[in-house]
Amino acid sequence: MNGPDEAPVFSTRVAWTLSPDREPDAPSITHQLRCISEDEQGNACGSSGPRSSNARDAHAWAFLHAKDEPAHRTFYDMVEMPYSLSPAVEPDEDVKPSRIYPPEH
């Protein structure tokens, strides 16, 4: 219990959810292919195509790259997707949590 000279102690635990940002003003999901084919020494190529919000356009680069480098057939699709962190309940303006607690598993 708090004495007369002690500040009140607030325990503010709010559940937060991390989810894809689907708001109209959210950035677009984008794709970029990177070649991960290796040479005889085990070095990855690392060449990348252009980043695009159209997956088909991004994937087309793999065919162009394979035309120049026929042995290069393995790629990563590096997807950038915006996410948003939201509290289950908006905290009271007067109560400022000192930490954000992740949800318990």
PDB file of N, CA and C in Angstrom:
ATOM      1  N   MET A   1       0.852  -1.178   0.000  1.00  0.00           N
ATOM      2  CA  MET A   1       0.000   0.000   0.000  1.00  0.00           C
ATOM      3  C   MET A   1       0.893   1.234   0.000  1.00  0.00           C
ATOM      4  N   ASN A   2       0.407   2.278  -0.620  1.00  0.00           N
ATOM      5  CA  ASN A   2       1.173   3.511  -0.719  1.00  0.00           C
ATOM      6  C   ASN A   2       0.986   4.362   0.526  1.00  0.00           C
ATOM      7  N   GLY A   3       2.114   4.945   0.963  1.00  0.00           N
ATOM      8  CA  GLY A   3       2.052   5.885   2.075  1.00  0.00           C
ATOM      9  C   GLY A   3       1.617   7.249   1.568  1.00  0.00           C
ATOM     10  N   PRO A   4       1.443   8.238   2.495  1.00  0.00           N
ATOM     11  CA  PRO A   4       0.941   9.553   2.089  1.00  0.00           C
ATOM     12  C   PRO A   4       1.890  10.297   1.150  1.00  0.00           C
ATOM     13  N   ASP A   5       3.204   9.989   1.177  1.00  0.00           N
ATOM     14  CA  ASP A   5       4.161  10.694   0.327  1.00  0.00           C
ATOM     15  C   ASP A   5       4.499   9.930  -0.952  1.00  0.00           C
ATOM     16  N   GLU A   6       3.888   8.790  -1.157  1.00  0.00           N
ATOM     17  CA  GLU A   6       4.205   7.992  -2.329  1.00  0.00           C
ATOM     18  C   GLU A   6       3.176   8.208  -3.434  1.00  0.00           C
ATOM     19  N   ALA A   7       3.674   8.207  -4.676  1.00  0.00           N
ATOM     20  CA  ALA A   7       2.777   8.337  -5.828  1.00  0.00           C
ATOM     21  C   ALA A   7       2.013   7.038  -6.007  1.00  0.00           C
ATOM     22  N   PRO A   8       0.820   7.128  -6.514  1.00  0.00           N
ATOM     23  CA  PRO A   8       0.067   5.899  -6.767  1.00  0.00           C
ATOM     24  C   PRO A   8       0.790   5.039  -7.811  1.00  0.00           C
ATOM     25  N   VAL A   9       0.633   3.758  -7.699  1.00  0.00           N
ATOM     26  CA  VAL A   9       1.249   2.819  -8.636  1.00  0.00           C
ATOM     27  C   VAL A   9       0.154   2.302  -9.553  1.00  0.00           C
ATOM     28  N   PHE A  10       0.377   2.441 -10.848  1.00  0.00           N
ATOM     29  CA  PHE A  10      -0.582   1.951 -11.824  1.00  0.00           C
ATOM     30  C   PHE A  10       0.010   0.728 -12.507  1.00  0.00           C
ATOM     31  N   SER A  11      -0.765  -0.289 -12.609  1.00  0.00           N
ATOM     32  CA  SER A  11      -0.369  -1.471 -13.360  1.00  0.00           C
ATOM     33  C   SER A  11      -1.244  -1.495 -14.605  1.00  0.00           C
ATOM     34  N   THR A  12      -0.661  -1.112 -15.732  1.00  0.00           N
ATOM     35  CA  THR A  12      -1.421  -1.037 -16.970  1.00  0.00           C
ATOM     36  C   THR A  12      -0.908  -2.078 -17.934  1.00  0.00           C
ATOM     37  N   ARG A  13      -1.673  -3.156 -18.073  1.00  0.00           N
ATOM     38  CA  ARG A  13      -1.341  -4.197 -19.057  1.00  0.00           C
ATOM     39  C   ARG A  13      -2.430  -4.176 -20.097  1.00  0.00           C
ATOM     40  N   VAL A  14      -2.014  -3.914 -21.318  1.00  0.00           N
ATOM     41  CA  VAL A  14      -2.946  -3.861 -22.429  1.00  0.00           C
ATOM     42  C   VAL A  14      -2.509  -4.890 -23.452  1.00  0.00           C
ATOM     43  N   ALA A  15      -3.439  -5.692 -23.934  1.00  0.00           N
ATOM     44  CA  ALA A  15      -3.117  -6.660 -24.988  1.00  0.00           C
ATOM     45  C   ALA A  15      -2.960  -5.907 -26.304  1.00  0.00           C
ATOM     46  N   TRP A  16      -1.914  -6.215 -27.019  1.00  0.00           N
ATOM     47  CA  TRP A  16      -1.635  -5.588 -28.306  1.00  0.00           C
ATOM     48  C   TRP A  16      -1.711  -6.645 -29.396  1.00  0.00           C
ATOM     49  N   THR A  17      -2.120  -6.228 -30.569  1.00  0.00           N
ATOM     50  CA  THR A  17      -2.209  -7.121 -31.712  1.00  0.00           C
ATOM     51  C   THR A  17      -1.383  -6.548 -32.858  1.00  0.00           C
ATOM     52  N   LEU A  18      -0.535  -7.391 -33.432  1.00  0.00           N
ATOM     53  CA  LEU A  18       0.245  -7.019 -34.603  1.00  0.00           C
ATOM     54  C   LEU A  18      -0.421  -7.681 -35.802  1.00  0.00           C
ATOM     55  N   SER A  19      -0.836  -6.868 -36.770  1.00  0.00           N
ATOM     56  CA  SER A  19      -1.538  -7.419 -37.931  1.00  0.00           C
ATOM     57  C   SER A  19      -1.200  -6.614 -39.179  1.00  0.00           C
ATOM     58  N   PRO A  20      -1.416  -7.211 -40.356  1.00  0.00           N
ATOM     59  CA  PRO A  20      -1.164  -6.464 -41.588  1.00  0.00           C
ATOM     60  C   PRO A  20      -1.959  -5.162 -41.605  1.00  0.00           C
ATOM     61  N   ASP A  21      -1.312  -4.105 -42.055  1.00  0.00           N
ATOM     62  CA  ASP A  21      -1.956  -2.791 -42.137  1.00  0.00           C
ATOM     63  C   ASP A  21      -2.773  -2.740 -43.421  1.00  0.00           C
ATOM     64  N   ARG A  22      -4.091  -2.773 -43.282  1.00  0.00           N
ATOM     65  CA  ARG A  22      -4.976  -2.778 -44.440  1.00  0.00           C
ATOM     66  C   ARG A  22      -5.707  -1.444 -44.622  1.00  0.00           C
ATOM     67  N   GLU A  23      -5.241  -0.424 -43.920  1.00  0.00           N
ATOM     68  CA  GLU A  23      -5.854   0.896 -44.059  1.00  0.00           C
ATOM     69  C   GLU A  23      -5.620   1.416 -45.481  1.00  0.00           C
ATOM     70  N   PRO A  24      -6.539   2.246 -45.997  1.00  0.00           N
ATOM     71  CA  PRO A  24      -6.385   2.754 -47.372  1.00  0.00           C
ATOM     72  C   PRO A  24      -5.074   3.514 -47.606  1.00  0.00           C
ATOM     73  N   ASP A  25      -4.552   4.156 -46.565  1.00  0.00           N
ATOM     74  CA  ASP A  25      -3.315   4.926 -46.733  1.00  0.00           C
ATOM     75  C   ASP A  25      -2.054   4.123 -46.408  1.00  0.00           C
ATOM     76  N   ALA A  26      -2.203   2.830 -46.169  1.00  0.00           N
ATOM     77  CA  ALA A  26      -1.038   1.981 -45.861  1.00  0.00           C
ATOM     78  C   ALA A  26      -0.163   1.825 -47.106  1.00  0.00           C
ATOM     79  N   PRO A  27       1.138   1.681 -46.912  1.00  0.00           N
ATOM     80  CA  PRO A  27       2.004   1.431 -48.063  1.00  0.00           C
ATOM     81  C   PRO A  27       1.630   0.121 -48.752  1.00  0.00           C
ATOM     82  N   SER A  28       1.930   0.031 -50.025  1.00  0.00           N
ATOM     83  CA  SER A  28       1.639  -1.178 -50.802  1.00  0.00           C
ATOM     84  C   SER A  28       2.565  -2.310 -50.395  1.00  0.00           C
ATOM     85  N   ILE A  29       2.083  -3.534 -50.539  1.00  0.00           N
ATOM     86  CA  ILE A  29       2.934  -4.709 -50.411  1.00  0.00           C
ATOM     87  C   ILE A  29       3.802  -4.734 -51.654  1.00  0.00           C
ATOM     88  N   THR A  30       5.105  -4.964 -51.484  1.00  0.00           N
ATOM     89  CA  THR A  30       6.001  -4.991 -52.644  1.00  0.00           C
ATOM     90  C   THR A  30       6.793  -6.288 -52.673  1.00  0.00           C
ATOM     91  N   HIS A  31       7.262  -6.635 -53.859  1.00  0.00           N
ATOM     92  CA  HIS A  31       8.050  -7.846 -54.098  1.00  0.00           C
ATOM     93  C   HIS A  31       9.337  -7.467 -54.812  1.00  0.00           C
ATOM     94  N   GLN A  32      10.404  -8.203 -54.516  1.00  0.00           N
ATOM     95  CA  GLN A  32      11.668  -8.065 -55.223  1.00  0.00           C
ATOM     96  C   GLN A  32      12.349  -9.427 -55.185  1.00  0.00           C
ATOM     97  N   LEU A  33      12.741  -9.916 -56.345  1.00  0.00           N
ATOM     98  CA  LEU A  33      13.439 -11.200 -56.386  1.00  0.00           C
ATOM     99  C   LEU A  33      14.947 -10.989 -56.313  1.00  0.00           C
ATOM    100  N   ARG A  34      15.604 -11.866 -55.555  1.00  0.00           N
ATOM    101  CA  ARG A  34      17.066 -11.853 -55.453  1.00  0.00           C
ATOM    102  C   ARG A  34      17.572 -13.252 -55.764  1.00  0.00           C
ATOM    103  N   CYS A  35      18.570 -13.319 -56.623  1.00  0.00           N
ATOM    104  CA  CYS A  35      19.149 -14.600 -56.997  1.00  0.00           C
ATOM    105  C   CYS A  35      20.037 -15.112 -55.865  1.00  0.00           C
ATOM    106  N   ILE A  36      19.797 -16.364 -55.459  1.00  0.00           N
ATOM    107  CA  ILE A  36      20.620 -16.969 -54.410  1.00  0.00           C
ATOM    108  C   ILE A  36      21.367 -18.197 -54.937  1.00  0.00           C
ATOM    109  N   SER A  37      21.405 -18.332 -56.270  1.00  0.00           N
ATOM    110  CA  SER A  37      22.185 -19.423 -56.864  1.00  0.00           C
ATOM    111  C   SER A  37      23.655 -19.217 -56.540  1.00  0.00           C
ATOM    112  N   GLU A  38      24.372 -20.325 -56.333  1.00  0.00           N
ATOM    113  CA  GLU A  38      25.778 -20.248 -55.919  1.00  0.00           C
ATOM    114  C   GLU A  38      26.711 -20.677 -57.041  1.00  0.00           C
ATOM    115  N   ASP A  39      27.915 -20.095 -57.019  1.00  0.00           N
ATOM    116  CA  ASP A  39      28.954 -20.524 -57.947  1.00  0.00           C
ATOM    117  C   ASP A  39      29.701 -21.716 -57.347  1.00  0.00           C
ATOM    118  N   GLU A  40      30.727 -22.165 -58.021  1.00  0.00           N
ATOM    119  CA  GLU A  40      31.476 -23.347 -57.566  1.00  0.00           C
ATOM    120  C   GLU A  40      32.112 -23.154 -56.187  1.00  0.00           C
ATOM    121  N   GLN A  41      32.409 -21.925 -55.815  1.00  0.00           N
ATOM    122  CA  GLN A  41      33.014 -21.633 -54.509  1.00  0.00           C
ATOM    123  C   GLN A  41      31.972 -21.438 -53.406  1.00  0.00           C
ATOM    124  N   GLY A  42      30.699 -21.537 -53.755  1.00  0.00           N
ATOM    125  CA  GLY A  42      29.652 -21.382 -52.753  1.00  0.00           C
ATOM    126  C   GLY A  42      29.210 -19.948 -52.525  1.00  0.00           C
ATOM    127  N   ASN A  43      29.616 -19.030 -53.391  1.00  0.00           N
ATOM    128  CA  ASN A  43      29.225 -17.622 -53.266  1.00  0.00           C
ATOM    129  C   ASN A  43      27.884 -17.395 -53.955  1.00  0.00           C
ATOM    130  N   ALA A  44      26.935 -16.796 -53.231  1.00  0.00           N
ATOM    131  CA  ALA A  44      25.628 -16.495 -53.810  1.00  0.00           C
ATOM    132  C   ALA A  44      25.744 -15.350 -54.800  1.00  0.00           C
ATOM    133  N   CYS A  45      24.979 -15.427 -55.879  1.00  0.00           N
ATOM    134  CA  CYS A  45      24.986 -14.384 -56.903  1.00  0.00           C
ATOM    135  C   CYS A  45      24.605 -13.035 -56.302  1.00  0.00           C
ATOM    136  N   GLY A  46      23.431 -12.959 -55.688  1.00  0.00           N
ATOM    137  CA  GLY A  46      23.004 -11.723 -55.022  1.00  0.00           C
ATOM    138  C   GLY A  46      22.382 -10.683 -55.924  1.00  0.00           C
ATOM    139  N   SER A  47      22.324 -10.919 -57.233  1.00  0.00           N
ATOM    140  CA  SER A  47      21.673  -9.942 -58.118  1.00  0.00           C
ATOM    141  C   SER A  47      20.198  -9.834 -57.773  1.00  0.00           C
ATOM    142  N   SER A  48      19.649  -8.622 -57.910  1.00  0.00           N
ATOM    143  CA  SER A  48      18.241  -8.380 -57.573  1.00  0.00           C
ATOM    144  C   SER A  48      17.533  -7.695 -58.717  1.00  0.00           C
ATOM    145  N   GLY A  49      16.269  -8.016 -58.849  1.00  0.00           N
ATOM    146  CA  GLY A  49      15.432  -7.329 -59.812  1.00  0.00           C
ATOM    147  C   GLY A  49      14.819  -6.094 -59.193  1.00  0.00           C
ATOM    148  N   PRO A  50      13.991  -5.386 -59.953  1.00  0.00           N
ATOM    149  CA  PRO A  50      13.352  -4.184 -59.415  1.00  0.00           C
ATOM    150  C   PRO A  50      12.247  -4.532 -58.412  1.00  0.00           C
ATOM    151  N   ARG A  51      12.051  -3.655 -57.442  1.00  0.00           N
ATOM    152  CA  ARG A  51      10.966  -3.827 -56.465  1.00  0.00           C
ATOM    153  C   ARG A  51       9.681  -3.338 -57.125  1.00  0.00           C
ATOM    154  N   SER A  52       8.605  -4.100 -56.938  1.00  0.00           N
ATOM    155  CA  SER A  52       7.333  -3.757 -57.560  1.00  0.00           C
ATOM    156  C   SER A  52       6.168  -4.148 -56.654  1.00  0.00           C
ATOM    157  N   SER A  53       5.077  -3.370 -56.747  1.00  0.00           N
ATOM    158  CA  SER A  53       3.859  -3.735 -56.018  1.00  0.00           C
ATOM    159  C   SER A  53       3.085  -4.815 -56.780  1.00  0.00           C
ATOM    160  N   ASN A  54       3.533  -5.145 -57.985  1.00  0.00           N
ATOM    161  CA  ASN A  54       2.926  -6.210 -58.777  1.00  0.00           C
ATOM    162  C   ASN A  54       3.865  -7.412 -58.757  1.00  0.00           C
ATOM    163  N   ALA A  55       3.453  -8.489 -58.101  1.00  0.00           N
ATOM    164  CA  ALA A  55       4.314  -9.671 -57.953  1.00  0.00           C
ATOM    165  C   ALA A  55       4.719 -10.239 -59.305  1.00  0.00           C
ATOM    166  N   ARG A  56       3.817 -10.251 -60.253  1.00  0.00           N
ATOM    167  CA  ARG A  56       4.126 -10.801 -61.573  1.00  0.00           C
ATOM    168  C   ARG A  56       5.264 -10.009 -62.242  1.00  0.00           C
ATOM    169  N   ASP A  57       5.233  -8.695 -62.115  1.00  0.00           N
ATOM    170  CA  ASP A  57       6.307  -7.876 -62.684  1.00  0.00           C
ATOM    171  C   ASP A  57       7.637  -8.180 -62.004  1.00  0.00           C
ATOM    172  N   ALA A  58       7.612  -8.304 -60.679  1.00  0.00           N
ATOM    173  CA  ALA A  58       8.843  -8.613 -59.942  1.00  0.00           C
ATOM    174  C   ALA A  58       9.365  -9.991 -60.328  1.00  0.00           C
ATOM    175  N   HIS A  59       8.486 -10.949 -60.484  1.00  0.00           N
ATOM    176  CA  HIS A  59       8.888 -12.318 -60.811  1.00  0.00           C
ATOM    177  C   HIS A  59       9.418 -12.440 -62.233  1.00  0.00           C
ATOM    178  N   ALA A  60       8.989 -11.562 -63.138  1.00  0.00           N
ATOM    179  CA  ALA A  60       9.460 -11.611 -64.527  1.00  0.00           C
ATOM    180  C   ALA A  60      10.977 -11.437 -64.606  1.00  0.00           C
ATOM    181  N   TRP A  61      11.545 -10.704 -63.660  1.00  0.00           N
ATOM    182  CA  TRP A  61      12.993 -10.488 -63.667  1.00  0.00           C
ATOM    183  C   TRP A  61      13.758 -11.808 -63.583  1.00  0.00           C
ATOM    184  N   ALA A  62      13.248 -12.795 -62.871  1.00  0.00           N
ATOM    185  CA  ALA A  62      13.941 -14.085 -62.723  1.00  0.00           C
ATOM    186  C   ALA A  62      14.194 -14.715 -64.089  1.00  0.00           C
ATOM    187  N   PHE A  63      13.228 -14.612 -64.989  1.00  0.00           N
ATOM    188  CA  PHE A  63      13.396 -15.178 -66.329  1.00  0.00           C
ATOM    189  C   PHE A  63      14.459 -14.424 -67.119  1.00  0.00           C
ATOM    190  N   LEU A  64      14.486 -13.110 -66.975  1.00  0.00           N
ATOM    191  CA  LEU A  64      15.513 -12.310 -67.651  1.00  0.00           C
ATOM    192  C   LEU A  64      16.900 -12.642 -67.108  1.00  0.00           C
ATOM    193  N   HIS A  65      17.003 -12.804 -65.799  1.00  0.00           N
ATOM    194  CA  HIS A  65      18.286 -13.123 -65.174  1.00  0.00           C
ATOM    195  C   HIS A  65      18.754 -14.514 -65.616  1.00  0.00           C
ATOM    196  N   ALA A  66      17.841 -15.486 -65.649  1.00  0.00           N
ATOM    197  CA  ALA A  66      18.200 -16.846 -66.055  1.00  0.00           C
ATOM    198  C   ALA A  66      18.610 -16.898 -67.532  1.00  0.00           C
ATOM    199  N   LYS A  67      18.085 -15.984 -68.328  1.00  0.00           N
ATOM    200  CA  LYS A  67      18.490 -15.923 -69.744  1.00  0.00           C
ATOM    201  C   LYS A  67      19.971 -15.555 -69.844  1.00  0.00           C
ATOM    202  N   ASP A  68      20.417 -14.617 -68.975  1.00  0.00           N
ATOM    203  CA  ASP A  68      21.831 -14.209 -68.962  1.00  0.00           C
ATOM    204  C   ASP A  68      22.702 -15.198 -68.194  1.00  0.00           C
ATOM    205  N   GLU A  69      22.135 -15.844 -67.197  1.00  0.00           N
ATOM    206  CA  GLU A  69      22.862 -16.780 -66.325  1.00  0.00           C
ATOM    207  C   GLU A  69      22.069 -18.084 -66.232  1.00  0.00           C
ATOM    208  N   PRO A  70      22.159 -18.974 -67.237  1.00  0.00           N
ATOM    209  CA  PRO A  70      21.302 -20.169 -67.294  1.00  0.00           C
ATOM    210  C   PRO A  70      21.382 -21.089 -66.075  1.00  0.00           C
ATOM    211  N   ALA A  71      22.474 -21.088 -65.360  1.00  0.00           N
ATOM    212  CA  ALA A  71      22.598 -21.960 -64.180  1.00  0.00           C
ATOM    213  C   ALA A  71      21.944 -21.346 -62.930  1.00  0.00           C
ATOM    214  N   HIS A  72      21.510 -20.095 -63.010  1.00  0.00           N
ATOM    215  CA  HIS A  72      20.917 -19.406 -61.854  1.00  0.00           C
ATOM    216  C   HIS A  72      19.414 -19.651 -61.851  1.00  0.00           C
ATOM    217  N   ARG A  73      18.988 -20.531 -60.940  1.00  0.00           N
ATOM    218  CA  ARG A  73      17.583 -20.953 -60.920  1.00  0.00           C
ATOM    219  C   ARG A  73      16.923 -20.866 -59.545  1.00  0.00           C
ATOM    220  N   THR A  74      17.625 -20.298 -58.570  1.00  0.00           N
ATOM    221  CA  THR A  74      17.096 -20.242 -57.203  1.00  0.00           C
ATOM    222  C   THR A  74      17.021 -18.781 -56.756  1.00  0.00           C
ATOM    223  N   PHE A  75      15.856 -18.402 -56.212  1.00  0.00           N
ATOM    224  CA  PHE A  75      15.606 -16.988 -55.872  1.00  0.00           C
ATOM    225  C   PHE A  75      14.863 -16.866 -54.545  1.00  0.00           C
ATOM    226  N   TYR A  76      15.048 -15.727 -53.910  1.00  0.00           N
ATOM    227  CA  TYR A  76      14.193 -15.311 -52.792  1.00  0.00           C
ATOM    228  C   TYR A  76      13.236 -14.263 -53.320  1.00  0.00           C
ATOM    229  N   ASP A  77      11.978 -14.326 -52.889  1.00  0.00           N
ATOM    230  CA  ASP A  77      11.044 -13.239 -53.124  1.00  0.00           C
ATOM    231  C   ASP A  77      11.033 -12.442 -51.827  1.00  0.00           C
ATOM    232  N   MET A  78      11.616 -11.269 -51.860  1.00  0.00           N
ATOM    233  CA  MET A  78      11.712 -10.422 -50.663  1.00  0.00           C
ATOM    234  C   MET A  78      10.482  -9.522 -50.627  1.00  0.00           C
ATOM    235  N   VAL A  79       9.533  -9.910 -49.792  1.00  0.00           N
ATOM    236  CA  VAL A  79       8.251  -9.212 -49.692  1.00  0.00           C
ATOM    237  C   VAL A  79       8.328  -8.204 -48.560  1.00  0.00           C
ATOM    238  N   GLU A  80       7.894  -6.987 -48.847  1.00  0.00           N
ATOM    239  CA  GLU A  80       7.738  -5.971 -47.801  1.00  0.00           C
ATOM    240  C   GLU A  80       6.249  -5.741 -47.636  1.00  0.00           C
ATOM    241  N   MET A  81       5.788  -5.974 -46.402  1.00  0.00           N
ATOM    242  CA  MET A  81       4.363  -5.861 -46.110  1.00  0.00           C
ATOM    243  C   MET A  81       4.199  -5.019 -44.851  1.00  0.00           C
ATOM    244  N   PRO A  82       3.418  -3.928 -44.930  1.00  0.00           N
ATOM    245  CA  PRO A  82       3.261  -3.076 -43.747  1.00  0.00           C
ATOM    246  C   PRO A  82       2.407  -3.756 -42.671  1.00  0.00           C
ATOM    247  N   TYR A  83       2.809  -3.581 -41.424  1.00  0.00           N
ATOM    248  CA  TYR A  83       2.065  -4.101 -40.275  1.00  0.00           C
ATOM    249  C   TYR A  83       1.740  -2.949 -39.337  1.00  0.00           C
ATOM    250  N   SER A  84       0.726  -3.147 -38.541  1.00  0.00           N
ATOM    251  CA  SER A  84       0.289  -2.139 -37.581  1.00  0.00           C
ATOM    252  C   SER A  84       0.125  -2.794 -36.208  1.00  0.00           C
ATOM    253  N   LEU A  85       0.564  -2.108 -35.180  1.00  0.00           N
ATOM    254  CA  LEU A  85       0.433  -2.572 -33.802  1.00  0.00           C
ATOM    255  C   LEU A  85      -0.704  -1.792 -33.151  1.00  0.00           C
ATOM    256  N   SER A  86      -1.701  -2.516 -32.625  1.00  0.00           N
ATOM    257  CA  SER A  86      -2.883  -1.866 -32.055  1.00  0.00           C
ATOM    258  C   SER A  86      -3.205  -2.436 -30.686  1.00  0.00           C
ATOM    259  N   PRO A  87      -3.572  -1.559 -29.742  1.00  0.00           N
ATOM    260  CA  PRO A  87      -4.007  -2.064 -28.434  1.00  0.00           C
ATOM    261  C   PRO A  87      -5.434  -2.582 -28.527  1.00  0.00           C
ATOM    262  N   ALA A  88      -5.761  -3.581 -27.713  1.00  0.00           N
ATOM    263  CA  ALA A  88      -7.126  -4.112 -27.672  1.00  0.00           C
ATOM    264  C   ALA A  88      -8.090  -3.040 -27.163  1.00  0.00           C
ATOM    265  N   VAL A  89      -7.624  -2.248 -26.209  1.00  0.00           N
ATOM    266  CA  VAL A  89      -8.390  -1.141 -25.651  1.00  0.00           C
ATOM    267  C   VAL A  89      -7.455   0.050 -25.589  1.00  0.00           C
ATOM    268  N   GLU A  90      -7.918   1.190 -26.061  1.00  0.00           N
ATOM    269  CA  GLU A  90      -7.085   2.385 -25.992  1.00  0.00           C
ATOM    270  C   GLU A  90      -6.846   2.740 -24.520  1.00  0.00           C
ATOM    271  N   PRO A  91      -5.564   2.954 -24.151  1.00  0.00           N
ATOM    272  CA  PRO A  91      -5.282   3.303 -22.749  1.00  0.00           C
ATOM    273  C   PRO A  91      -5.893   4.657 -22.387  1.00  0.00           C
ATOM    274  N   ASP A  92      -6.244   4.802 -21.120  1.00  0.00           N
ATOM    275  CA  ASP A  92      -6.756   6.064 -20.600  1.00  0.00           C
ATOM    276  C   ASP A  92      -5.659   7.108 -20.749  1.00  0.00           C
ATOM    277  N   GLU A  93      -6.022   8.319 -21.187  1.00  0.00           N
ATOM    278  CA  GLU A  93      -5.033   9.370 -21.409  1.00  0.00           C
ATOM    279  C   GLU A  93      -4.252   9.719 -20.144  1.00  0.00           C
ATOM    280  N   ASP A  94      -4.882   9.595 -18.982  1.00  0.00           N
ATOM    281  CA  ASP A  94      -4.215   9.965 -17.739  1.00  0.00           C
ATOM    282  C   ASP A  94      -3.247   8.897 -17.251  1.00  0.00           C
ATOM    283  N   VAL A  95      -3.367   7.692 -17.768  1.00  0.00           N
ATOM    284  CA  VAL A  95      -2.508   6.601 -17.327  1.00  0.00           C
ATOM    285  C   VAL A  95      -1.547   6.267 -18.449  1.00  0.00           C
ATOM    286  N   LYS A  96      -0.278   6.471 -18.201  1.00  0.00           N
ATOM    287  CA  LYS A  96       0.758   6.202 -19.190  1.00  0.00           C
ATOM    288  C   LYS A  96       1.524   4.959 -18.765  1.00  0.00           C
ATOM    289  N   PRO A  97       1.400   3.868 -19.496  1.00  0.00           N
ATOM    290  CA  PRO A  97       2.154   2.665 -19.120  1.00  0.00           C
ATOM    291  C   PRO A  97       3.643   2.912 -19.283  1.00  0.00           C
ATOM    292  N   SER A  98       4.427   2.358 -18.363  1.00  0.00           N
ATOM    293  CA  SER A  98       5.867   2.527 -18.441  1.00  0.00           C
ATOM    294  C   SER A  98       6.483   1.558 -19.432  1.00  0.00           C
ATOM    295  N   ARG A  99       5.774   0.482 -19.744  1.00  0.00           N
ATOM    296  CA  ARG A  99       6.260  -0.520 -20.691  1.00  0.00           C
ATOM    297  C   ARG A  99       5.092  -1.062 -21.485  1.00  0.00           C
ATOM    298  N   ILE A 100       5.413  -1.525 -22.685  1.00  0.00           N
ATOM    299  CA  ILE A 100       4.420  -2.243 -23.477  1.00  0.00           C
ATOM    300  C   ILE A 100       4.742  -3.720 -23.292  1.00  0.00           C
ATOM    301  N   TYR A 101       3.789  -4.454 -22.812  1.00  0.00           N
ATOM    302  CA  TYR A 101       4.002  -5.865 -22.580  1.00  0.00           C
ATOM    303  C   TYR A 101       3.492  -6.651 -23.783  1.00  0.00           C
ATOM    304  N   PRO A 102       4.307  -7.548 -24.339  1.00  0.00           N
ATOM    305  CA  PRO A 102       3.783  -8.395 -25.421  1.00  0.00           C
ATOM    306  C   PRO A 102       2.786  -9.389 -24.865  1.00  0.00           C
ATOM    307  N   PRO A 103       1.905  -9.900 -25.709  1.00  0.00           N
ATOM    308  CA  PRO A 103       0.941 -10.882 -25.207  1.00  0.00           C
ATOM    309  C   PRO A 103       1.657 -12.117 -24.690  1.00  0.00           C
ATOM    310  N   GLU A 104       1.095 -12.712 -23.641  1.00  0.00           N
ATOM    311  CA  GLU A 104       1.700 -13.916 -23.074  1.00  0.00           C
ATOM    312  C   GLU A 104       1.326 -15.106 -23.932  1.00  0.00           C
ATOM    313  N   HIS A 105       2.248 -16.032 -24.075  1.00  0.00           N
ATOM    314  CA  HIS A 105       2.011 -17.215 -24.922  1.00  0.00           C
ATOM    315  C   HIS A 105       1.532 -18.370 -24.098  1.00  0.00           C
TER     316      HIS A 105
END
